[in-house]
Amino acid sequence: VPDKVWQWKEGNGGKFSNINRPSSGPRFEQ
């Protein structure tokens, strides 16, 4: 049953959990 307000938890996303986040923008300078 979905929570009333969804929150991201580390490991969400299966195969892509190491890169998927609910936010945009750079994560490192290069």
PDB file of all heavy atoms in Angstrom:
ATOM      1  N   VAL A   1       0.867  -1.179   0.000  1.00  0.00           N
ATOM      2  CA  VAL A   1       0.000   0.000   0.000  1.00  0.00           C
ATOM      3  C   VAL A   1       0.901   1.226   0.000  1.00  0.00           C
ATOM      4  O   VAL A   1       1.729   1.402   0.904  1.00  0.00           O
ATOM      5  CB  VAL A   1      -0.920   0.025   1.237  1.00  0.00           C
ATOM      6  CG1 VAL A   1      -1.758   1.300   1.245  1.00  0.00           C
ATOM      7  CG2 VAL A   1      -1.816  -1.210   1.254  1.00  0.00           C
ATOM      8  N   PRO A   2       0.815   2.114  -1.014  1.00  0.00           N
ATOM      9  CA  PRO A   2       1.700   3.279  -1.067  1.00  0.00           C
ATOM     10  C   PRO A   2       1.538   4.176   0.158  1.00  0.00           C
ATOM     11  O   PRO A   2       0.437   4.325   0.692  1.00  0.00           O
ATOM     12  CB  PRO A   2       1.244   4.003  -2.343  1.00  0.00           C
ATOM     13  CG  PRO A   2       0.531   2.964  -3.148  1.00  0.00           C
ATOM     14  CD  PRO A   2      -0.092   2.029  -2.172  1.00  0.00           C
ATOM     15  N   ASP A   3       2.653   4.730   0.592  1.00  0.00           N
ATOM     16  CA  ASP A   3       2.600   5.725   1.655  1.00  0.00           C
ATOM     17  C   ASP A   3       1.836   6.954   1.176  1.00  0.00           C
ATOM     18  O   ASP A   3       1.701   7.186  -0.027  1.00  0.00           O
ATOM     19  CB  ASP A   3       4.015   6.151   2.067  1.00  0.00           C
ATOM     20  CG  ASP A   3       4.802   5.012   2.689  1.00  0.00           C
ATOM     21  OD1 ASP A   3       4.161   4.094   3.251  1.00  0.00           O
ATOM     22  OD2 ASP A   3       6.045   5.040   2.611  1.00  0.00           O
ATOM     23  N   LYS A   4       1.353   7.745   2.109  1.00  0.00           N
ATOM     24  CA  LYS A   4       0.668   8.978   1.736  1.00  0.00           C
ATOM     25  C   LYS A   4       1.615   9.930   1.023  1.00  0.00           C
ATOM     26  O   LYS A   4       1.213  10.651   0.094  1.00  0.00           O
ATOM     27  CB  LYS A   4       0.076   9.645   2.976  1.00  0.00           C
ATOM     28  CG  LYS A   4      -1.129   8.908   3.550  1.00  0.00           C
ATOM     29  CD  LYS A   4      -1.751   9.690   4.701  1.00  0.00           C
ATOM     30  CE  LYS A   4      -2.995   8.963   5.219  1.00  0.00           C
ATOM     31  NZ  LYS A   4      -3.644   9.711   6.327  1.00  0.00           N
ATOM     32  N   VAL A   5       2.870   9.943   1.441  1.00  0.00           N
ATOM     33  CA  VAL A   5       3.900  10.754   0.791  1.00  0.00           C
ATOM     34  C   VAL A   5       5.094   9.859   0.495  1.00  0.00           C
ATOM     35  O   VAL A   5       5.697   9.304   1.417  1.00  0.00           O
ATOM     36  CB  VAL A   5       4.342  11.936   1.673  1.00  0.00           C
ATOM     37  CG1 VAL A   5       5.443  12.733   0.980  1.00  0.00           C
ATOM     38  CG2 VAL A   5       3.151  12.834   2.004  1.00  0.00           C
ATOM     39  N   TRP A   6       5.407   9.701  -0.787  1.00  0.00           N
ATOM     40  CA  TRP A   6       6.513   8.825  -1.180  1.00  0.00           C
ATOM     41  C   TRP A   6       7.838   9.437  -0.766  1.00  0.00           C
ATOM     42  O   TRP A   6       8.054  10.645  -0.877  1.00  0.00           O
ATOM     43  CB  TRP A   6       6.497   8.611  -2.691  1.00  0.00           C
ATOM     44  CG  TRP A   6       7.561   7.660  -3.182  1.00  0.00           C
ATOM     45  CD1 TRP A   6       7.476   6.312  -3.284  1.00  0.00           C
ATOM     46  CD2 TRP A   6       8.870   8.024  -3.647  1.00  0.00           C
ATOM     47  NE1 TRP A   6       8.649   5.789  -3.780  1.00  0.00           N
ATOM     48  CE2 TRP A   6       9.533   6.820  -4.005  1.00  0.00           C
ATOM     49  CE3 TRP A   6       9.564   9.223  -3.776  1.00  0.00           C
ATOM     50  CZ2 TRP A   6      10.826   6.788  -4.506  1.00  0.00           C
ATOM     51  CZ3 TRP A   6      10.869   9.201  -4.270  1.00  0.00           C
ATOM     52  CH2 TRP A   6      11.480   7.994  -4.622  1.00  0.00           C
ATOM     53  N   GLN A   7       8.754   8.588  -0.301  1.00  0.00           N
ATOM     54  CA  GLN A   7      10.099   9.024   0.032  1.00  0.00           C
ATOM     55  C   GLN A   7      11.106   8.066  -0.584  1.00  0.00           C
ATOM     56  O   GLN A   7      10.913   6.837  -0.556  1.00  0.00           O
ATOM     57  CB  GLN A   7      10.291   9.087   1.555  1.00  0.00           C
ATOM     58  CG  GLN A   7       9.452  10.152   2.231  1.00  0.00           C
ATOM     59  CD  GLN A   7       9.852  10.360   3.680  1.00  0.00           C
ATOM     60  OE1 GLN A   7      11.011  10.156   4.036  1.00  0.00           O
ATOM     61  NE2 GLN A   7       8.909  10.768   4.498  1.00  0.00           N
ATOM     62  N   TRP A   8      12.171   8.658  -1.130  1.00  0.00           N
ATOM     63  CA  TRP A   8      13.211   7.841  -1.731  1.00  0.00           C
ATOM     64  C   TRP A   8      13.999   7.104  -0.658  1.00  0.00           C
ATOM     65  O   TRP A   8      14.319   7.655   0.395  1.00  0.00           O
ATOM     66  CB  TRP A   8      14.165   8.721  -2.536  1.00  0.00           C
ATOM     67  CG  TRP A   8      15.318   7.957  -3.117  1.00  0.00           C
ATOM     68  CD1 TRP A   8      15.303   7.164  -4.216  1.00  0.00           C
ATOM     69  CD2 TRP A   8      16.656   7.906  -2.605  1.00  0.00           C
ATOM     70  NE1 TRP A   8      16.550   6.618  -4.433  1.00  0.00           N
ATOM     71  CE2 TRP A   8      17.400   7.061  -3.454  1.00  0.00           C
ATOM     72  CE3 TRP A   8      17.287   8.498  -1.505  1.00  0.00           C
ATOM     73  CZ2 TRP A   8      18.741   6.792  -3.256  1.00  0.00           C
ATOM     74  CZ3 TRP A   8      18.635   8.228  -1.290  1.00  0.00           C
ATOM     75  CH2 TRP A   8      19.351   7.382  -2.164  1.00  0.00           C
ATOM     76  N   LYS A   9      14.296   5.837  -0.944  1.00  0.00           N
ATOM     77  CA  LYS A   9      15.109   5.027  -0.050  1.00  0.00           C
ATOM     78  C   LYS A   9      16.243   4.428  -0.862  1.00  0.00           C
ATOM     79  O   LYS A   9      16.048   3.996  -2.001  1.00  0.00           O
ATOM     80  CB  LYS A   9      14.276   3.915   0.593  1.00  0.00           C
ATOM     81  CG  LYS A   9      13.136   4.424   1.465  1.00  0.00           C
ATOM     82  CD  LYS A   9      12.298   3.277   1.989  1.00  0.00           C
ATOM     83  CE  LYS A   9      11.114   3.790   2.802  1.00  0.00           C
ATOM     84  NZ  LYS A   9      10.245   2.679   3.272  1.00  0.00           N
ATOM     85  N   GLU A  10      17.422   4.383  -0.281  1.00  0.00           N
ATOM     86  CA  GLU A  10      18.574   3.829  -0.985  1.00  0.00           C
ATOM     87  C   GLU A  10      18.279   2.390  -1.394  1.00  0.00           C
ATOM     88  O   GLU A  10      17.802   1.596  -0.601  1.00  0.00           O
ATOM     89  CB  GLU A  10      19.809   3.877  -0.097  1.00  0.00           C
ATOM     90  CG  GLU A  10      21.081   3.544  -0.834  1.00  0.00           C
ATOM     91  CD  GLU A  10      22.328   3.806  -0.011  1.00  0.00           C
ATOM     92  OE1 GLU A  10      22.188   4.345   1.112  1.00  0.00           O
ATOM     93  OE2 GLU A  10      23.417   3.480  -0.487  1.00  0.00           O
ATOM     94  N   GLY A  11      18.546   2.092  -2.656  1.00  0.00           N
ATOM     95  CA  GLY A  11      18.259   0.759  -3.182  1.00  0.00           C
ATOM     96  C   GLY A  11      17.034   0.728  -4.063  1.00  0.00           C
ATOM     97  O   GLY A  11      16.802  -0.260  -4.771  1.00  0.00           O
ATOM     98  N   ASN A  12      16.237   1.799  -4.079  1.00  0.00           N
ATOM     99  CA  ASN A  12      15.092   1.866  -4.986  1.00  0.00           C
ATOM    100  C   ASN A  12      15.584   1.835  -6.428  1.00  0.00           C
ATOM    101  O   ASN A  12      16.578   2.478  -6.763  1.00  0.00           O
ATOM    102  CB  ASN A  12      14.296   3.163  -4.767  1.00  0.00           C
ATOM    103  CG  ASN A  12      13.408   3.091  -3.538  1.00  0.00           C
ATOM    104  OD1 ASN A  12      13.378   2.071  -2.861  1.00  0.00           O
ATOM    105  ND2 ASN A  12      12.704   4.171  -3.260  1.00  0.00           N
ATOM    106  N   GLY A  13      14.882   1.114  -7.288  1.00  0.00           N
ATOM    107  CA  GLY A  13      15.219   1.152  -8.705  1.00  0.00           C
ATOM    108  C   GLY A  13      15.813  -0.106  -9.274  1.00  0.00           C
ATOM    109  O   GLY A  13      16.136  -0.161 -10.457  1.00  0.00           O
ATOM    110  N   GLY A  14      16.005  -1.156  -8.478  1.00  0.00           N
ATOM    111  CA  GLY A  14      16.505  -2.417  -9.015  1.00  0.00           C
ATOM    112  C   GLY A  14      17.885  -2.257  -9.638  1.00  0.00           C
ATOM    113  O   GLY A  14      18.815  -1.746  -9.020  1.00  0.00           O
ATOM    114  N   LYS A  15      18.033  -2.658 -10.882  1.00  0.00           N
ATOM    115  CA  LYS A  15      19.309  -2.628 -11.576  1.00  0.00           C
ATOM    116  C   LYS A  15      19.902  -1.219 -11.631  1.00  0.00           C
ATOM    117  O   LYS A  15      21.114  -1.048 -11.686  1.00  0.00           O
ATOM    118  CB  LYS A  15      19.133  -3.178 -12.995  1.00  0.00           C
ATOM    119  CG  LYS A  15      20.407  -3.230 -13.818  1.00  0.00           C
ATOM    120  CD  LYS A  15      20.173  -3.862 -15.170  1.00  0.00           C
ATOM    121  CE  LYS A  15      21.475  -3.918 -15.976  1.00  0.00           C
ATOM    122  NZ  LYS A  15      21.291  -4.563 -17.291  1.00  0.00           N
ATOM    123  N   PHE A  16      19.045  -0.215 -11.609  1.00  0.00           N
ATOM    124  CA  PHE A  16      19.501   1.158 -11.760  1.00  0.00           C
ATOM    125  C   PHE A  16      19.529   1.921 -10.438  1.00  0.00           C
ATOM    126  O   PHE A  16      19.602   3.143 -10.419  1.00  0.00           O
ATOM    127  CB  PHE A  16      18.595   1.883 -12.763  1.00  0.00           C
ATOM    128  CG  PHE A  16      18.469   1.148 -14.068  1.00  0.00           C
ATOM    129  CD1 PHE A  16      17.370   0.353 -14.328  1.00  0.00           C
ATOM    130  CD2 PHE A  16      19.465   1.237 -15.020  1.00  0.00           C
ATOM    131  CE1 PHE A  16      17.251  -0.333 -15.526  1.00  0.00           C
ATOM    132  CE2 PHE A  16      19.365   0.552 -16.219  1.00  0.00           C
ATOM    133  CZ  PHE A  16      18.258  -0.249 -16.478  1.00  0.00           C
ATOM    134  N   SER A  17      19.485   1.191  -9.321  1.00  0.00           N
ATOM    135  CA  SER A  17      19.406   1.847  -8.013  1.00  0.00           C
ATOM    136  C   SER A  17      20.659   2.649  -7.682  1.00  0.00           C
ATOM    137  O   SER A  17      20.609   3.572  -6.877  1.00  0.00           O
ATOM    138  CB  SER A  17      19.153   0.807  -6.917  1.00  0.00           C
ATOM    139  OG  SER A  17      20.215  -0.134  -6.860  1.00  0.00           O
ATOM    140  N   ASN A  18      21.792   2.302  -8.296  1.00  0.00           N
ATOM    141  CA  ASN A  18      23.021   3.025  -7.973  1.00  0.00           C
ATOM    142  C   ASN A  18      23.082   4.397  -8.624  1.00  0.00           C
ATOM    143  O   ASN A  18      23.920   5.225  -8.260  1.00  0.00           O
ATOM    144  CB  ASN A  18      24.249   2.207  -8.386  1.00  0.00           C
ATOM    145  CG  ASN A  18      24.344   2.025  -9.891  1.00  0.00           C
ATOM    146  OD1 ASN A  18      23.339   1.775 -10.552  1.00  0.00           O
ATOM    147  ND2 ASN A  18      25.541   2.108 -10.431  1.00  0.00           N
ATOM    148  N   ILE A  19      22.209   4.670  -9.611  1.00  0.00           N
ATOM    149  CA  ILE A  19      22.253   5.970 -10.292  1.00  0.00           C
ATOM    150  C   ILE A  19      20.945   6.741 -10.195  1.00  0.00           C
ATOM    151  O   ILE A  19      20.945   7.969 -10.282  1.00  0.00           O
ATOM    152  CB  ILE A  19      22.631   5.818 -11.780  1.00  0.00           C
ATOM    153  CG1 ILE A  19      21.663   4.871 -12.504  1.00  0.00           C
ATOM    154  CG2 ILE A  19      24.075   5.350 -11.927  1.00  0.00           C
ATOM    155  CD1 ILE A  19      21.865   4.821 -13.999  1.00  0.00           C
ATOM    156  N   ASN A  20      19.818   6.063 -10.010  1.00  0.00           N
ATOM    157  CA  ASN A  20      18.532   6.764  -9.994  1.00  0.00           C
ATOM    158  C   ASN A  20      18.337   7.533  -8.693  1.00  0.00           C
ATOM    159  O   ASN A  20      18.546   6.996  -7.597  1.00  0.00           O
ATOM    160  CB  ASN A  20      17.379   5.781 -10.194  1.00  0.00           C
ATOM    161  CG  ASN A  20      17.248   5.339 -11.632  1.00  0.00           C
ATOM    162  OD1 ASN A  20      17.869   5.915 -12.521  1.00  0.00           O
ATOM    163  ND2 ASN A  20      16.431   4.323 -11.871  1.00  0.00           N
ATOM    164  N   ARG A  21      17.934   8.777  -8.830  1.00  0.00           N
ATOM    165  CA  ARG A  21      17.597   9.634  -7.695  1.00  0.00           C
ATOM    166  C   ARG A  21      16.381  10.483  -8.094  1.00  0.00           C
ATOM    167  O   ARG A  21      16.175  10.738  -9.278  1.00  0.00           O
ATOM    168  CB  ARG A  21      18.761  10.573  -7.339  1.00  0.00           C
ATOM    169  CG  ARG A  21      20.062   9.887  -6.954  1.00  0.00           C
ATOM    170  CD  ARG A  21      19.999   9.261  -5.567  1.00  0.00           C
ATOM    171  NE  ARG A  21      21.284   8.747  -5.153  1.00  0.00           N
ATOM    172  CZ  ARG A  21      21.798   7.579  -5.517  1.00  0.00           C
ATOM    173  NH1 ARG A  21      21.116   6.791  -6.328  1.00  0.00           N
ATOM    174  NH2 ARG A  21      22.978   7.187  -5.087  1.00  0.00           N
ATOM    175  N   PRO A  22      15.631  10.969  -7.126  1.00  0.00           N
ATOM    176  CA  PRO A  22      14.480  11.813  -7.451  1.00  0.00           C
ATOM    177  C   PRO A  22      14.862  13.289  -7.569  1.00  0.00           C
ATOM    178  O   PRO A  22      14.014  14.176  -7.388  1.00  0.00           O
ATOM    179  CB  PRO A  22      13.543  11.575  -6.268  1.00  0.00           C
ATOM    180  CG  PRO A  22      14.453  11.344  -5.124  1.00  0.00           C
ATOM    181  CD  PRO A  22      15.642  10.612  -5.685  1.00  0.00           C
ATOM    182  N   SER A  23      16.143  13.572  -7.851  1.00  0.00           N
ATOM    183  CA  SER A  23      16.598  14.950  -7.961  1.00  0.00           C
ATOM    184  C   SER A  23      17.498  15.089  -9.184  1.00  0.00           C
ATOM    185  O   SER A  23      18.070  14.102  -9.662  1.00  0.00           O
ATOM    186  CB  SER A  23      17.356  15.369  -6.703  1.00  0.00           C
ATOM    187  OG  SER A  23      18.455  14.506  -6.467  1.00  0.00           O
ATOM    188  N   SER A  24      17.618  16.318  -9.667  1.00  0.00           N
ATOM    189  CA  SER A  24      18.431  16.580 -10.855  1.00  0.00           C
ATOM    190  C   SER A  24      19.676  17.360 -10.473  1.00  0.00           C
ATOM    191  O   SER A  24      19.892  17.693  -9.308  1.00  0.00           O
ATOM    192  CB  SER A  24      17.612  17.363 -11.882  1.00  0.00           C
ATOM    193  OG  SER A  24      17.245  18.627 -11.350  1.00  0.00           O
ATOM    194  N   GLY A  25      20.496  17.637 -11.496  1.00  0.00           N
ATOM    195  CA  GLY A  25      21.683  18.447 -11.268  1.00  0.00           C
ATOM    196  C   GLY A  25      22.953  17.630 -11.176  1.00  0.00           C
ATOM    197  O   GLY A  25      22.918  16.396 -11.057  1.00  0.00           O
ATOM    198  N   PRO A  26      24.112  18.308 -11.218  1.00  0.00           N
ATOM    199  CA  PRO A  26      25.399  17.592 -11.178  1.00  0.00           C
ATOM    200  C   PRO A  26      25.671  16.984  -9.812  1.00  0.00           C
ATOM    201  O   PRO A  26      25.278  17.529  -8.779  1.00  0.00           O
ATOM    202  CB  PRO A  26      26.417  18.696 -11.505  1.00  0.00           C
ATOM    203  CG  PRO A  26      25.751  19.968 -11.087  1.00  0.00           C
ATOM    204  CD  PRO A  26      24.287  19.764 -11.360  1.00  0.00           C
ATOM    205  N   ARG A  27      26.369  15.857  -9.836  1.00  0.00           N
ATOM    206  CA  ARG A  27      26.778  15.190  -8.594  1.00  0.00           C
ATOM    207  C   ARG A  27      28.280  15.263  -8.377  1.00  0.00           C
ATOM    208  O   ARG A  27      28.757  14.956  -7.292  1.00  0.00           O
ATOM    209  CB  ARG A  27      26.328  13.720  -8.622  1.00  0.00           C
ATOM    210  CG  ARG A  27      24.811  13.565  -8.717  1.00  0.00           C
ATOM    211  CD  ARG A  27      24.403  12.106  -8.761  1.00  0.00           C
ATOM    212  NE  ARG A  27      22.979  11.968  -9.054  1.00  0.00           N
ATOM    213  CZ  ARG A  27      22.383  10.811  -9.367  1.00  0.00           C
ATOM    214  NH1 ARG A  27      23.097   9.697  -9.394  1.00  0.00           N
ATOM    215  NH2 ARG A  27      21.096  10.785  -9.639  1.00  0.00           N
ATOM    216  N   PHE A  28      29.007  15.635  -9.427  1.00  0.00           N
ATOM    217  CA  PHE A  28      30.454  15.789  -9.279  1.00  0.00           C
ATOM    218  C   PHE A  28      30.958  16.720 -10.382  1.00  0.00           C
ATOM    219  O   PHE A  28      30.296  16.908 -11.406  1.00  0.00           O
ATOM    220  CB  PHE A  28      31.177  14.436  -9.344  1.00  0.00           C
ATOM    221  CG  PHE A  28      30.941  13.666 -10.618  1.00  0.00           C
ATOM    222  CD1 PHE A  28      31.837  13.751 -11.681  1.00  0.00           C
ATOM    223  CD2 PHE A  28      29.825  12.839 -10.756  1.00  0.00           C
ATOM    224  CE1 PHE A  28      31.626  13.030 -12.853  1.00  0.00           C
ATOM    225  CE2 PHE A  28      29.606  12.113 -11.927  1.00  0.00           C
ATOM    226  CZ  PHE A  28      30.505  12.211 -12.968  1.00  0.00           C
ATOM    227  N   GLU A  29      32.112  17.306 -10.155  1.00  0.00           N
ATOM    228  CA  GLU A  29      32.714  18.241 -11.099  1.00  0.00           C
ATOM    229  C   GLU A  29      33.592  17.496 -12.095  1.00  0.00           C
ATOM    230  O   GLU A  29      34.512  16.775 -11.701  1.00  0.00           O
ATOM    231  CB  GLU A  29      33.550  19.289 -10.352  1.00  0.00           C
ATOM    232  CG  GLU A  29      32.745  20.236  -9.497  1.00  0.00           C
ATOM    233  CD  GLU A  29      31.848  21.134 -10.320  1.00  0.00           C
ATOM    234  OE1 GLU A  29      32.288  21.581 -11.407  1.00  0.00           O
ATOM    235  OE2 GLU A  29      30.700  21.382  -9.884  1.00  0.00           O
ATOM    236  N   GLN A  30      33.277  17.649 -13.353  1.00  0.00           N
ATOM    237  CA  GLN A  30      34.113  17.066 -14.412  1.00  0.00           C
ATOM    238  C   GLN A  30      33.708  17.674 -15.740  1.00  0.00           C
ATOM    239  O   GLN A  30      32.554  17.540 -16.152  1.00  0.00           O
ATOM    240  CB  GLN A  30      33.966  15.544 -14.461  1.00  0.00           C
ATOM    241  CG  GLN A  30      34.856  14.893 -15.527  1.00  0.00           C
ATOM    242  CD  GLN A  30      34.763  13.376 -15.478  1.00  0.00           C
ATOM    243  OE1 GLN A  30      34.954  12.760 -14.433  1.00  0.00           O
ATOM    244  NE2 GLN A  30      34.449  12.767 -16.604  1.00  0.00           N
TER     245      GLN A  30
END
